[in-house]
Amino acid sequence: MYARDDVATTRDWQQLPSGEHVDAAVDGFRMLADRTRFQLMWLLCGAEYDVTTLASAVGIARPAVSQHLAKLKLAGLVAMRRDGRRAVYRARGGHVRRFLGEAIEAADHRLTGRPDHD
């Protein structure tokens, strides 16, 4: 259970969030609706990685990984820091980790036929 689960009420779900919040959320969904970016984010939720390591892990060219990371960074989903001459990336915050985990759990329910949670 997540902290938000304890405080969400029916009323919370009956009032639309601000347009600014909806736009930001949709941008995040758009970034994660790409297979490669989803895989990169999954890895970045567990540890920090440089571009070369990520390219090897997902099996695509380094320039393509760099482009994906730039988009994810602009969307606020990824943070970068310098480690000497290398740039290392990580997912920003627990919300992204929880969201990806929930997405995989929902996919597992759909693929295996396990009943949904309330």
PDB file of N, CA and C in Angstrom:
ATOM      1  N   MET A   1       0.844  -1.175   0.000  1.00  0.00           N
ATOM      2  CA  MET A   1       0.000   0.000   0.000  1.00  0.00           C
ATOM      3  C   MET A   1       0.888   1.236   0.000  1.00  0.00           C
ATOM      4  N   TYR A   2       0.493   2.247  -0.730  1.00  0.00           N
ATOM      5  CA  TYR A   2       1.252   3.476  -0.820  1.00  0.00           C
ATOM      6  C   TYR A   2       0.645   4.532   0.081  1.00  0.00           C
ATOM      7  N   ALA A   3       1.450   5.508   0.418  1.00  0.00           N
ATOM      8  CA  ALA A   3       0.980   6.561   1.315  1.00  0.00           C
ATOM      9  C   ALA A   3      -0.267   7.232   0.759  1.00  0.00           C
ATOM     10  N   ARG A   4      -0.310   7.455  -0.526  1.00  0.00           N
ATOM     11  CA  ARG A   4      -1.454   8.129  -1.142  1.00  0.00           C
ATOM     12  C   ARG A   4      -2.724   7.282  -1.016  1.00  0.00           C
ATOM     13  N   ASP A   5      -2.599   5.959  -0.987  1.00  0.00           N
ATOM     14  CA  ASP A   5      -3.767   5.094  -0.841  1.00  0.00           C
ATOM     15  C   ASP A   5      -4.511   5.383   0.455  1.00  0.00           C
ATOM     16  N   ASP A   6      -3.784   5.769   1.494  1.00  0.00           N
ATOM     17  CA  ASP A   6      -4.402   6.022   2.785  1.00  0.00           C
ATOM     18  C   ASP A   6      -5.199   7.314   2.807  1.00  0.00           C
ATOM     19  N   VAL A   7      -4.840   8.287   1.983  1.00  0.00           N
ATOM     20  CA  VAL A   7      -5.483   9.592   2.055  1.00  0.00           C
ATOM     21  C   VAL A   7      -6.430   9.849   0.896  1.00  0.00           C
ATOM     22  N   ALA A   8      -6.388   9.035  -0.158  1.00  0.00           N
ATOM     23  CA  ALA A   8      -7.284   9.237  -1.290  1.00  0.00           C
ATOM     24  C   ALA A   8      -8.706   8.898  -0.877  1.00  0.00           C
ATOM     25  N   THR A   9      -9.600   9.809  -1.150  1.00  0.00           N
ATOM     26  CA  THR A   9     -11.003   9.575  -0.852  1.00  0.00           C
ATOM     27  C   THR A   9     -11.772   9.584  -2.159  1.00  0.00           C
ATOM     28  N   THR A  10     -13.025   9.192  -2.088  1.00  0.00           N
ATOM     29  CA  THR A  10     -13.874   9.236  -3.274  1.00  0.00           C
ATOM     30  C   THR A  10     -13.917  10.656  -3.818  1.00  0.00           C
ATOM     31  N   ARG A  11     -13.942  11.621  -2.932  1.00  0.00           N
ATOM     32  CA  ARG A  11     -13.982  13.019  -3.347  1.00  0.00           C
ATOM     33  C   ARG A  11     -12.754  13.378  -4.177  1.00  0.00           C
ATOM     34  N   ASP A  12     -11.579  12.860  -3.825  1.00  0.00           N
ATOM     35  CA  ASP A  12     -10.360  13.133  -4.586  1.00  0.00           C
ATOM     36  C   ASP A  12     -10.516  12.724  -6.040  1.00  0.00           C
ATOM     37  N   TRP A  13     -11.201  11.629  -6.282  1.00  0.00           N
ATOM     38  CA  TRP A  13     -11.346  11.104  -7.637  1.00  0.00           C
ATOM     39  C   TRP A  13     -12.514  11.747  -8.374  1.00  0.00           C
ATOM     40  N   GLN A  14     -13.314  12.554  -7.689  1.00  0.00           N
ATOM     41  CA  GLN A  14     -14.461  13.207  -8.327  1.00  0.00           C
ATOM     42  C   GLN A  14     -14.152  14.627  -8.767  1.00  0.00           C
ATOM     43  N   GLN A  15     -12.984  15.120  -8.404  1.00  0.00           N
ATOM     44  CA  GLN A  15     -12.568  16.461  -8.804  1.00  0.00           C
ATOM     45  C   GLN A  15     -11.366  16.330  -9.726  1.00  0.00           C
ATOM     46  N   LEU A  16     -11.453  16.948 -10.887  1.00  0.00           N
ATOM     47  CA  LEU A  16     -10.342  16.881 -11.833  1.00  0.00           C
ATOM     48  C   LEU A  16      -9.148  17.670 -11.317  1.00  0.00           C
ATOM     49  N   PRO A  17      -7.943  17.123 -11.532  1.00  0.00           N
ATOM     50  CA  PRO A  17      -6.743  17.898 -11.200  1.00  0.00           C
ATOM     51  C   PRO A  17      -6.629  19.092 -12.151  1.00  0.00           C
ATOM     52  N   SER A  18      -5.755  20.009 -11.816  1.00  0.00           N
ATOM     53  CA  SER A  18      -5.572  21.187 -12.664  1.00  0.00           C
ATOM     54  C   SER A  18      -5.071  20.771 -14.051  1.00  0.00           C
ATOM     55  N   GLY A  19      -5.345  21.591 -15.029  1.00  0.00           N
ATOM     56  CA  GLY A  19      -4.879  21.320 -16.388  1.00  0.00           C
ATOM     57  C   GLY A  19      -3.373  21.188 -16.462  1.00  0.00           C
ATOM     58  N   GLU A  20      -2.677  21.986 -15.681  1.00  0.00           N
ATOM     59  CA  GLU A  20      -1.207  21.922 -15.643  1.00  0.00           C
ATOM     60  C   GLU A  20      -0.736  20.553 -15.144  1.00  0.00           C
ATOM     61  N   HIS A  21      -1.389  20.036 -14.108  1.00  0.00           N
ATOM     62  CA  HIS A  21      -1.038  18.716 -13.575  1.00  0.00           C
ATOM     63  C   HIS A  21      -1.349  17.617 -14.589  1.00  0.00           C
ATOM     64  N   VAL A  22      -2.497  17.730 -15.245  1.00  0.00           N
ATOM     65  CA  VAL A  22      -2.862  16.731 -16.252  1.00  0.00           C
ATOM     66  C   VAL A  22      -1.851  16.741 -17.391  1.00  0.00           C
ATOM     67  N   ASP A  23      -1.481  17.927 -17.864  1.00  0.00           N
ATOM     68  CA  ASP A  23      -0.510  18.018 -18.961  1.00  0.00           C
ATOM     69  C   ASP A  23       0.832  17.400 -18.574  1.00  0.00           C
ATOM     70  N   ALA A  24       1.293  17.676 -17.365  1.00  0.00           N
ATOM     71  CA  ALA A  24       2.565  17.108 -16.906  1.00  0.00           C
ATOM     72  C   ALA A  24       2.479  15.590 -16.804  1.00  0.00           C
ATOM     73  N   ALA A  25       1.353  15.082 -16.303  1.00  0.00           N
ATOM     74  CA  ALA A  25       1.174  13.633 -16.193  1.00  0.00           C
ATOM     75  C   ALA A  25       1.132  12.983 -17.566  1.00  0.00           C
ATOM     76  N   VAL A  26       0.430  13.603 -18.506  1.00  0.00           N
ATOM     77  CA  VAL A  26       0.340  13.064 -19.866  1.00  0.00           C
ATOM     78  C   VAL A  26       1.713  13.056 -20.530  1.00  0.00           C
ATOM     79  N   ASP A  27       2.504  14.094 -20.299  1.00  0.00           N
ATOM     80  CA  ASP A  27       3.867  14.112 -20.837  1.00  0.00           C
ATOM     81  C   ASP A  27       4.685  12.939 -20.293  1.00  0.00           C
ATOM     82  N   GLY A  28       4.528  12.656 -19.011  1.00  0.00           N
ATOM     83  CA  GLY A  28       5.229  11.519 -18.416  1.00  0.00           C
ATOM     84  C   GLY A  28       4.786  10.203 -19.034  1.00  0.00           C
ATOM     85  N   PHE A  29       3.472  10.032 -19.209  1.00  0.00           N
ATOM     86  CA  PHE A  29       2.954   8.825 -19.861  1.00  0.00           C
ATOM     87  C   PHE A  29       3.508   8.707 -21.280  1.00  0.00           C
ATOM     88  N   ARG A  30       3.533   9.819 -21.998  1.00  0.00           N
ATOM     89  CA  ARG A  30       4.023   9.810 -23.373  1.00  0.00           C
ATOM     90  C   ARG A  30       5.492   9.337 -23.423  1.00  0.00           C
ATOM     91  N   MET A  31       6.275   9.803 -22.476  1.00  0.00           N
ATOM     92  CA  MET A  31       7.681   9.397 -22.446  1.00  0.00           C
ATOM     93  C   MET A  31       7.825   7.915 -22.162  1.00  0.00           C
ATOM     94  N   LEU A  32       6.965   7.373 -21.314  1.00  0.00           N
ATOM     95  CA  LEU A  32       7.074   5.973 -20.913  1.00  0.00           C
ATOM     96  C   LEU A  32       6.341   5.030 -21.861  1.00  0.00           C
ATOM     97  N   ALA A  33       5.642   5.576 -22.855  1.00  0.00           N
ATOM     98  CA  ALA A  33       4.892   4.745 -23.803  1.00  0.00           C
ATOM     99  C   ALA A  33       5.781   4.201 -24.917  1.00  0.00           C
ATOM    100  N   ASP A  34       7.059   4.320 -24.770  1.00  0.00           N
ATOM    101  CA  ASP A  34       8.037   3.791 -25.716  1.00  0.00           C
ATOM    102  C   ASP A  34       8.766   2.629 -25.042  1.00  0.00           C
ATOM    103  N   ARG A  35       8.860   1.507 -25.738  1.00  0.00           N
ATOM    104  CA  ARG A  35       9.463   0.295 -25.164  1.00  0.00           C
ATOM    105  C   ARG A  35      10.882   0.542 -24.637  1.00  0.00           C
ATOM    106  N   THR A  36      11.711   1.192 -25.437  1.00  0.00           N
ATOM    107  CA  THR A  36      13.097   1.426 -25.032  1.00  0.00           C
ATOM    108  C   THR A  36      13.175   2.343 -23.822  1.00  0.00           C
ATOM    109  N   ARG A  37      12.402   3.433 -23.841  1.00  0.00           N
ATOM    110  CA  ARG A  37      12.428   4.348 -22.697  1.00  0.00           C
ATOM    111  C   ARG A  37      11.908   3.661 -21.433  1.00  0.00           C
ATOM    112  N   PHE A  38      10.893   2.819 -21.579  1.00  0.00           N
ATOM    113  CA  PHE A  38      10.388   2.073 -20.414  1.00  0.00           C
ATOM    114  C   PHE A  38      11.502   1.191 -19.850  1.00  0.00           C
ATOM    115  N   GLN A  39      12.202   0.472 -20.724  1.00  0.00           N
ATOM    116  CA  GLN A  39      13.284  -0.403 -20.259  1.00  0.00           C
ATOM    117  C   GLN A  39      14.412   0.402 -19.609  1.00  0.00           C
ATOM    118  N   LEU A  40      14.755   1.530 -20.198  1.00  0.00           N
ATOM    119  CA  LEU A  40      15.794   2.374 -19.607  1.00  0.00           C
ATOM    120  C   LEU A  40      15.363   2.844 -18.217  1.00  0.00           C
ATOM    121  N   MET A  41      14.122   3.308 -18.120  1.00  0.00           N
ATOM    122  CA  MET A  41      13.630   3.778 -16.829  1.00  0.00           C
ATOM    123  C   MET A  41      13.611   2.660 -15.800  1.00  0.00           C
ATOM    124  N   TRP A  42      13.248   1.460 -16.236  1.00  0.00           N
ATOM    125  CA  TRP A  42      13.229   0.326 -15.309  1.00  0.00           C
ATOM    126  C   TRP A  42      14.622   0.127 -14.714  1.00  0.00           C
ATOM    127  N   LEU A  43      15.631   0.111 -15.564  1.00  0.00           N
ATOM    128  CA  LEU A  43      16.996  -0.063 -15.073  1.00  0.00           C
ATOM    129  C   LEU A  43      17.408   1.092 -14.164  1.00  0.00           C
ATOM    130  N   LEU A  44      17.059   2.310 -14.562  1.00  0.00           N
ATOM    131  CA  LEU A  44      17.469   3.491 -13.809  1.00  0.00           C
ATOM    132  C   LEU A  44      16.769   3.599 -12.460  1.00  0.00           C
ATOM    133  N   CYS A  45      15.676   2.874 -12.287  1.00  0.00           N
ATOM    134  CA  CYS A  45      15.014   2.844 -10.982  1.00  0.00           C
ATOM    135  C   CYS A  45      15.812   2.014  -9.979  1.00  0.00           C
ATOM    136  N   GLY A  46      16.659   1.120 -10.473  1.00  0.00           N
ATOM    137  CA  GLY A  46      17.409   0.243  -9.580  1.00  0.00           C
ATOM    138  C   GLY A  46      18.817   0.697  -9.274  1.00  0.00           C
ATOM    139  N   ALA A  47      19.388   1.526 -10.158  1.00  0.00           N
ATOM    140  CA  ALA A  47      20.775   1.950  -9.962  1.00  0.00           C
ATOM    141  C   ALA A  47      21.101   3.084 -10.924  1.00  0.00           C
ATOM    142  N   GLU A  48      22.281   3.624 -10.780  1.00  0.00           N
ATOM    143  CA  GLU A  48      22.787   4.627 -11.716  1.00  0.00           C
ATOM    144  C   GLU A  48      23.548   3.913 -12.828  1.00  0.00           C
ATOM    145  N   TYR A  49      23.433   4.431 -14.045  1.00  0.00           N
ATOM    146  CA  TYR A  49      24.117   3.848 -15.190  1.00  0.00           C
ATOM    147  C   TYR A  49      24.633   4.941 -16.105  1.00  0.00           C
ATOM    148  N   ASP A  50      25.709   4.610 -16.825  1.00  0.00           N
ATOM    149  CA  ASP A  50      26.165   5.493 -17.891  1.00  0.00           C
ATOM    150  C   ASP A  50      25.559   5.024 -19.206  1.00  0.00           C
ATOM    151  N   VAL A  51      25.731   5.817 -20.255  1.00  0.00           N
ATOM    152  CA  VAL A  51      25.114   5.535 -21.547  1.00  0.00           C
ATOM    153  C   VAL A  51      25.600   4.214 -22.125  1.00  0.00           C
ATOM    154  N   THR A  52      26.888   3.938 -22.025  1.00  0.00           N
ATOM    155  CA  THR A  52      27.445   2.711 -22.599  1.00  0.00           C
ATOM    156  C   THR A  52      26.829   1.473 -21.952  1.00  0.00           C
ATOM    157  N   THR A  53      26.712   1.472 -20.653  1.00  0.00           N
ATOM    158  CA  THR A  53      26.129   0.332 -19.939  1.00  0.00           C
ATOM    159  C   THR A  53      24.662   0.160 -20.306  1.00  0.00           C
ATOM    160  N   LEU A  54      23.928   1.272 -20.380  1.00  0.00           N
ATOM    161  CA  LEU A  54      22.520   1.195 -20.759  1.00  0.00           C
ATOM    162  C   LEU A  54      22.354   0.688 -22.189  1.00  0.00           C
ATOM    163  N   ALA A  55      23.198   1.157 -23.092  1.00  0.00           N
ATOM    164  CA  ALA A  55      23.115   0.716 -24.491  1.00  0.00           C
ATOM    165  C   ALA A  55      23.321  -0.789 -24.586  1.00  0.00           C
ATOM    166  N   SER A  56      24.267  -1.295 -23.845  1.00  0.00           N
ATOM    167  CA  SER A  56      24.526  -2.728 -23.836  1.00  0.00           C
ATOM    168  C   SER A  56      23.352  -3.505 -23.246  1.00  0.00           C
ATOM    169  N   ALA A  57      22.781  -2.981 -22.185  1.00  0.00           N
ATOM    170  CA  ALA A  57      21.689  -3.676 -21.498  1.00  0.00           C
ATOM    171  C   ALA A  57      20.431  -3.768 -22.354  1.00  0.00           C
ATOM    172  N   VAL A  58      20.103  -2.721 -23.096  1.00  0.00           N
ATOM    173  CA  VAL A  58      18.871  -2.728 -23.888  1.00  0.00           C
ATOM    174  C   VAL A  58      19.113  -3.085 -25.348  1.00  0.00           C
ATOM    175  N   GLY A  59      20.374  -3.191 -25.736  1.00  0.00           N
ATOM    176  CA  GLY A  59      20.708  -3.646 -27.085  1.00  0.00           C
ATOM    177  C   GLY A  59      20.473  -2.647 -28.188  1.00  0.00           C
ATOM    178  N   ILE A  60      20.703  -1.371 -27.894  1.00  0.00           N
ATOM    179  CA  ILE A  60      20.616  -0.359 -28.947  1.00  0.00           C
ATOM    180  C   ILE A  60      21.872   0.504 -28.921  1.00  0.00           C
ATOM    181  N   ALA A  61      22.054   1.300 -29.960  1.00  0.00           N
ATOM    182  CA  ALA A  61      23.251   2.133 -30.104  1.00  0.00           C
ATOM    183  C   ALA A  61      23.303   3.235 -29.053  1.00  0.00           C
ATOM    184  N   ARG A  62      24.525   3.604 -28.682  1.00  0.00           N
ATOM    185  CA  ARG A  62      24.724   4.660 -27.687  1.00  0.00           C
ATOM    186  C   ARG A  62      24.053   5.982 -28.065  1.00  0.00           C
ATOM    187  N   PRO A  63      24.141   6.434 -29.333  1.00  0.00           N
ATOM    188  CA  PRO A  63      23.471   7.697 -29.668  1.00  0.00           C
ATOM    189  C   PRO A  63      21.951   7.638 -29.440  1.00  0.00           C
ATOM    190  N   ALA A  64      21.352   6.492 -29.713  1.00  0.00           N
ATOM    191  CA  ALA A  64      19.913   6.348 -29.494  1.00  0.00           C
ATOM    192  C   ALA A  64      19.594   6.423 -28.002  1.00  0.00           C
ATOM    193  N   VAL A  65      20.417   5.784 -27.175  1.00  0.00           N
ATOM    194  CA  VAL A  65      20.219   5.852 -25.726  1.00  0.00           C
ATOM    195  C   VAL A  65      20.349   7.298 -25.256  1.00  0.00           C
ATOM    196  N   SER A  66      21.341   8.000 -25.753  1.00  0.00           N
ATOM    197  CA  SER A  66      21.530   9.404 -25.370  1.00  0.00           C
ATOM    198  C   SER A  66      20.306  10.242 -25.722  1.00  0.00           C
ATOM    199  N   GLN A  67      19.731  10.013 -26.885  1.00  0.00           N
ATOM    200  CA  GLN A  67      18.536  10.758 -27.285  1.00  0.00           C
ATOM    201  C   GLN A  67      17.357  10.443 -26.366  1.00  0.00           C
ATOM    202  N   HIS A  68      17.178   9.176 -26.056  1.00  0.00           N
ATOM    203  CA  HIS A  68      16.098   8.797 -25.142  1.00  0.00           C
ATOM    204  C   HIS A  68      16.306   9.432 -23.762  1.00  0.00           C
ATOM    205  N   LEU A  69      17.530   9.390 -23.265  1.00  0.00           N
ATOM    206  CA  LEU A  69      17.818   9.964 -21.953  1.00  0.00           C
ATOM    207  C   LEU A  69      17.575  11.473 -21.938  1.00  0.00           C
ATOM    208  N   ALA A  70      17.908  12.147 -23.030  1.00  0.00           N
ATOM    209  CA  ALA A  70      17.667  13.589 -23.112  1.00  0.00           C
ATOM    210  C   ALA A  70      16.173  13.890 -23.010  1.00  0.00           C
ATOM    211  N   LYS A  71      15.350  13.105 -23.683  1.00  0.00           N
ATOM    212  CA  LYS A  71      13.903  13.294 -23.610  1.00  0.00           C
ATOM    213  C   LYS A  71      13.386  13.022 -22.201  1.00  0.00           C
ATOM    214  N   LEU A  72      13.868  11.946 -21.595  1.00  0.00           N
ATOM    215  CA  LEU A  72      13.443  11.607 -20.241  1.00  0.00           C
ATOM    216  C   LEU A  72      13.873  12.675 -19.240  1.00  0.00           C
ATOM    217  N   LYS A  73      15.035  13.233 -19.455  1.00  0.00           N
ATOM    218  CA  LYS A  73      15.534  14.292 -18.574  1.00  0.00           C
ATOM    219  C   LYS A  73      14.675  15.548 -18.717  1.00  0.00           C
ATOM    220  N   LEU A  74      14.344  15.910 -19.952  1.00  0.00           N
ATOM    221  CA  LEU A  74      13.483  17.078 -20.182  1.00  0.00           C
ATOM    222  C   LEU A  74      12.107  16.899 -19.548  1.00  0.00           C
ATOM    223  N   ALA A  75      11.616  15.664 -19.526  1.00  0.00           N
ATOM    224  CA  ALA A  75      10.314  15.367 -18.925  1.00  0.00           C
ATOM    225  C   ALA A  75      10.398  15.313 -17.400  1.00  0.00           C
ATOM    226  N   GLY A  76      11.604  15.425 -16.840  1.00  0.00           N
ATOM    227  CA  GLY A  76      11.772  15.406 -15.394  1.00  0.00           C
ATOM    228  C   GLY A  76      11.762  14.020 -14.778  1.00  0.00           C
ATOM    229  N   LEU A  77      11.920  12.992 -15.608  1.00  0.00           N
ATOM    230  CA  LEU A  77      11.885  11.621 -15.098  1.00  0.00           C
ATOM    231  C   LEU A  77      13.265  11.085 -14.745  1.00  0.00           C
ATOM    232  N   VAL A  78      14.306  11.726 -15.263  1.00  0.00           N
ATOM    233  CA  VAL A  78      15.673  11.247 -15.085  1.00  0.00           C
ATOM    234  C   VAL A  78      16.548  12.397 -14.599  1.00  0.00           C
ATOM    235  N   ALA A  79      17.480  12.078 -13.731  1.00  0.00           N
ATOM    236  CA  ALA A  79      18.485  13.040 -13.283  1.00  0.00           C
ATOM    237  C   ALA A  79      19.853  12.554 -13.735  1.00  0.00           C
ATOM    238  N   MET A  80      20.743  13.495 -13.994  1.00  0.00           N
ATOM    239  CA  MET A  80      22.105  13.162 -14.431  1.00  0.00           C
ATOM    240  C   MET A  80      23.095  13.850 -13.506  1.00  0.00           C
ATOM    241  N   ARG A  81      24.195  13.147 -13.247  1.00  0.00           N
ATOM    242  CA  ARG A  81      25.300  13.763 -12.511  1.00  0.00           C
ATOM    243  C   ARG A  81      26.601  13.340 -13.172  1.00  0.00           C
ATOM    244  N   ARG A  82      27.621  14.115 -12.964  1.00  0.00           N
ATOM    245  CA  ARG A  82      28.944  13.803 -13.506  1.00  0.00           C
ATOM    246  C   ARG A  82      29.727  12.961 -12.515  1.00  0.00           C
ATOM    247  N   ASP A  83      30.407  11.950 -13.050  1.00  0.00           N
ATOM    248  CA  ASP A  83      31.320  11.115 -12.279  1.00  0.00           C
ATOM    249  C   ASP A  83      32.631  11.147 -13.051  1.00  0.00           C
ATOM    250  N   GLY A  84      33.441  12.150 -12.761  1.00  0.00           N
ATOM    251  CA  GLY A  84      34.631  12.378 -13.583  1.00  0.00           C
ATOM    252  C   GLY A  84      34.193  12.860 -14.950  1.00  0.00           C
ATOM    253  N   ARG A  85      34.596  12.152 -15.988  1.00  0.00           N
ATOM    254  CA  ARG A  85      34.204  12.512 -17.350  1.00  0.00           C
ATOM    255  C   ARG A  85      32.908  11.852 -17.779  1.00  0.00           C
ATOM    256  N   ARG A  86      32.460  10.876 -17.007  1.00  0.00           N
ATOM    257  CA  ARG A  86      31.230  10.146 -17.354  1.00  0.00           C
ATOM    258  C   ARG A  86      30.000  10.862 -16.808  1.00  0.00           C
ATOM    259  N   ALA A  87      28.932  10.752 -17.562  1.00  0.00           N
ATOM    260  CA  ALA A  87      27.623  11.187 -17.079  1.00  0.00           C
ATOM    261  C   ALA A  87      26.877   9.926 -16.646  1.00  0.00           C
ATOM    262  N   VAL A  88      26.346   9.946 -15.441  1.00  0.00           N
ATOM    263  CA  VAL A  88      25.565   8.813 -14.956  1.00  0.00           C
ATOM    264  C   VAL A  88      24.142   9.290 -14.690  1.00  0.00           C
ATOM    265  N   TYR A  89      23.205   8.400 -14.968  1.00  0.00           N
ATOM    266  CA  TYR A  89      21.787   8.723 -14.910  1.00  0.00           C
ATOM    267  C   TYR A  89      21.083   7.851 -13.885  1.00  0.00           C
ATOM    268  N   ARG A  90      19.987   8.382 -13.349  1.00  0.00           N
ATOM    269  CA  ARG A  90      19.147   7.641 -12.418  1.00  0.00           C
ATOM    270  C   ARG A  90      17.719   8.169 -12.553  1.00  0.00           C
ATOM    271  N   ALA A  91      16.769   7.362 -12.131  1.00  0.00           N
ATOM    272  CA  ALA A  91      15.369   7.795 -12.107  1.00  0.00           C
ATOM    273  C   ALA A  91      15.193   8.808 -10.992  1.00  0.00           C
ATOM    274  N   ARG A  92      14.314   9.758 -11.191  1.00  0.00           N
ATOM    275  CA  ARG A  92      14.042  10.779 -10.181  1.00  0.00           C
ATOM    276  C   ARG A  92      12.883  10.350  -9.302  1.00  0.00           C
ATOM    277  N   GLY A  93      13.177   9.992  -8.082  1.00  0.00           N
ATOM    278  CA  GLY A  93      12.153   9.784  -7.066  1.00  0.00           C
ATOM    279  C   GLY A  93      11.407   8.471  -7.096  1.00  0.00           C
ATOM    280  N   GLY A  94      10.730   8.231  -6.006  1.00  0.00           N
ATOM    281  CA  GLY A  94       9.995   6.995  -5.812  1.00  0.00           C
ATOM    282  C   GLY A  94       8.701   6.898  -6.600  1.00  0.00           C
ATOM    283  N   HIS A  95       8.138   8.037  -6.988  1.00  0.00           N
ATOM    284  CA  HIS A  95       6.897   7.993  -7.756  1.00  0.00           C
ATOM    285  C   HIS A  95       7.096   7.241  -9.062  1.00  0.00           C
ATOM    286  N   VAL A  96       8.205   7.493  -9.733  1.00  0.00           N
ATOM    287  CA  VAL A  96       8.485   6.830 -11.010  1.00  0.00           C
ATOM    288  C   VAL A  96       8.659   5.332 -10.787  1.00  0.00           C
ATOM    289  N   ARG A  97       9.399   4.949  -9.753  1.00  0.00           N
ATOM    290  CA  ARG A  97       9.586   3.525  -9.447  1.00  0.00           C
ATOM    291  C   ARG A  97       8.254   2.844  -9.182  1.00  0.00           C
ATOM    292  N   ARG A  98       7.430   3.462  -8.362  1.00  0.00           N
ATOM    293  CA  ARG A  98       6.125   2.866  -8.043  1.00  0.00           C
ATOM    294  C   ARG A  98       5.243   2.771  -9.278  1.00  0.00           C
ATOM    295  N   PHE A  99       5.275   3.799 -10.108  1.00  0.00           N
ATOM    296  CA  PHE A  99       4.461   3.792 -11.324  1.00  0.00           C
ATOM    297  C   PHE A  99       4.876   2.658 -12.257  1.00  0.00           C
ATOM    298  N   LEU A 100       6.171   2.498 -12.471  1.00  0.00           N
ATOM    299  CA  LEU A 100       6.653   1.417 -13.341  1.00  0.00           C
ATOM    300  C   LEU A 100       6.314   0.055 -12.751  1.00  0.00           C
ATOM    301  N   GLY A 101       6.492  -0.091 -11.457  1.00  0.00           N
ATOM    302  CA  GLY A 101       6.153  -1.352 -10.802  1.00  0.00           C
ATOM    303  C   GLY A 101       4.676  -1.677 -10.953  1.00  0.00           C
ATOM    304  N   GLU A 102       3.817  -0.679 -10.776  1.00  0.00           N
ATOM    305  CA  GLU A 102       2.375  -0.888 -10.932  1.00  0.00           C
ATOM    306  C   GLU A 102       2.033  -1.244 -12.373  1.00  0.00           C
ATOM    307  N   ALA A 103       2.707  -0.607 -13.335  1.00  0.00           N
ATOM    308  CA  ALA A 103       2.448  -0.907 -14.746  1.00  0.00           C
ATOM    309  C   ALA A 103       2.784  -2.362 -15.057  1.00  0.00           C
ATOM    310  N   ILE A 104       3.896  -2.861 -14.529  1.00  0.00           N
ATOM    311  CA  ILE A 104       4.276  -4.256 -14.770  1.00  0.00           C
ATOM    312  C   ILE A 104       3.326  -5.198 -14.041  1.00  0.00           C
ATOM    313  N   GLU A 105       2.908  -4.837 -12.830  1.00  0.00           N
ATOM    314  CA  GLU A 105       1.940  -5.663 -12.099  1.00  0.00           C
ATOM    315  C   GLU A 105       0.616  -5.742 -12.853  1.00  0.00           C
ATOM    316  N   ALA A 106       0.146  -4.610 -13.374  1.00  0.00           N
ATOM    317  CA  ALA A 106      -1.110  -4.601 -14.142  1.00  0.00           C
ATOM    318  C   ALA A 106      -0.966  -5.468 -15.386  1.00  0.00           C
ATOM    319  N   ALA A 107       0.191  -5.389 -16.040  1.00  0.00           N
ATOM    320  CA  ALA A 107       0.436  -6.228 -17.220  1.00  0.00           C
ATOM    321  C   ALA A 107       0.436  -7.702 -16.839  1.00  0.00           C
ATOM    322  N   ASP A 108       1.019  -8.018 -15.687  1.00  0.00           N
ATOM    323  CA  ASP A 108       1.046  -9.398 -15.225  1.00  0.00           C
ATOM    324  C   ASP A 108      -0.372  -9.919 -14.978  1.00  0.00           C
ATOM    325  N   HIS A 109      -1.210  -9.109 -14.381  1.00  0.00           N
ATOM    326  CA  HIS A 109      -2.611  -9.512 -14.159  1.00  0.00           C
ATOM    327  C   HIS A 109      -3.296  -9.794 -15.495  1.00  0.00           C
ATOM    328  N   ARG A 110      -3.073  -8.913 -16.460  1.00  0.00           N
ATOM    329  CA  ARG A 110      -3.705  -9.097 -17.767  1.00  0.00           C
ATOM    330  C   ARG A 110      -3.177 -10.341 -18.470  1.00  0.00           C
ATOM    331  N   LEU A 111      -1.866 -10.578 -18.392  1.00  0.00           N
ATOM    332  CA  LEU A 111      -1.252 -11.711 -19.093  1.00  0.00           C
ATOM    333  C   LEU A 111      -1.544 -13.048 -18.428  1.00  0.00           C
ATOM    334  N   THR A 112      -1.633 -13.068 -17.107  1.00  0.00           N
ATOM    335  CA  THR A 112      -1.816 -14.325 -16.390  1.00  0.00           C
ATOM    336  C   THR A 112      -3.265 -14.607 -16.017  1.00  0.00           C
ATOM    337  N   GLY A 113      -4.114 -13.586 -16.104  1.00  0.00           N
ATOM    338  CA  GLY A 113      -5.497 -13.755 -15.713  1.00  0.00           C
ATOM    339  C   GLY A 113      -5.742 -13.656 -14.225  1.00  0.00           C
ATOM    340  N   ARG A 114      -4.703 -13.297 -13.462  1.00  0.00           N
ATOM    341  CA  ARG A 114      -4.907 -13.094 -12.018  1.00  0.00           C
ATOM    342  C   ARG A 114      -5.913 -11.980 -11.801  1.00  0.00           C
ATOM    343  N   PRO A 115      -6.767 -12.100 -10.782  1.00  0.00           N
ATOM    344  CA  PRO A 115      -7.769 -11.055 -10.541  1.00  0.00           C
ATOM    345  C   PRO A 115      -7.118  -9.736 -10.102  1.00  0.00           C
ATOM    346  N   ASP A 116      -7.767  -8.632 -10.464  1.00  0.00           N
ATOM    347  CA  ASP A 116      -7.284  -7.309 -10.068  1.00  0.00           C
ATOM    348  C   ASP A 116      -7.491  -7.096  -8.569  1.00  0.00           C
ATOM    349  N   HIS A 117      -6.733  -6.148  -8.030  1.00  0.00           N
ATOM    350  CA  HIS A 117      -6.886  -5.715  -6.628  1.00  0.00           C
ATOM    351  C   HIS A 117      -7.905  -4.591  -6.588  1.00  0.00           C
ATOM    352  N   ASP A 118      -8.519  -4.412  -5.446  1.00  0.00           N
ATOM    353  CA  ASP A 118      -9.386  -3.242  -5.247  1.00  0.00           C
ATOM    354  C   ASP A 118      -8.608  -2.124  -4.639  1.00  0.00           C
TER     355      ASP A 118
END
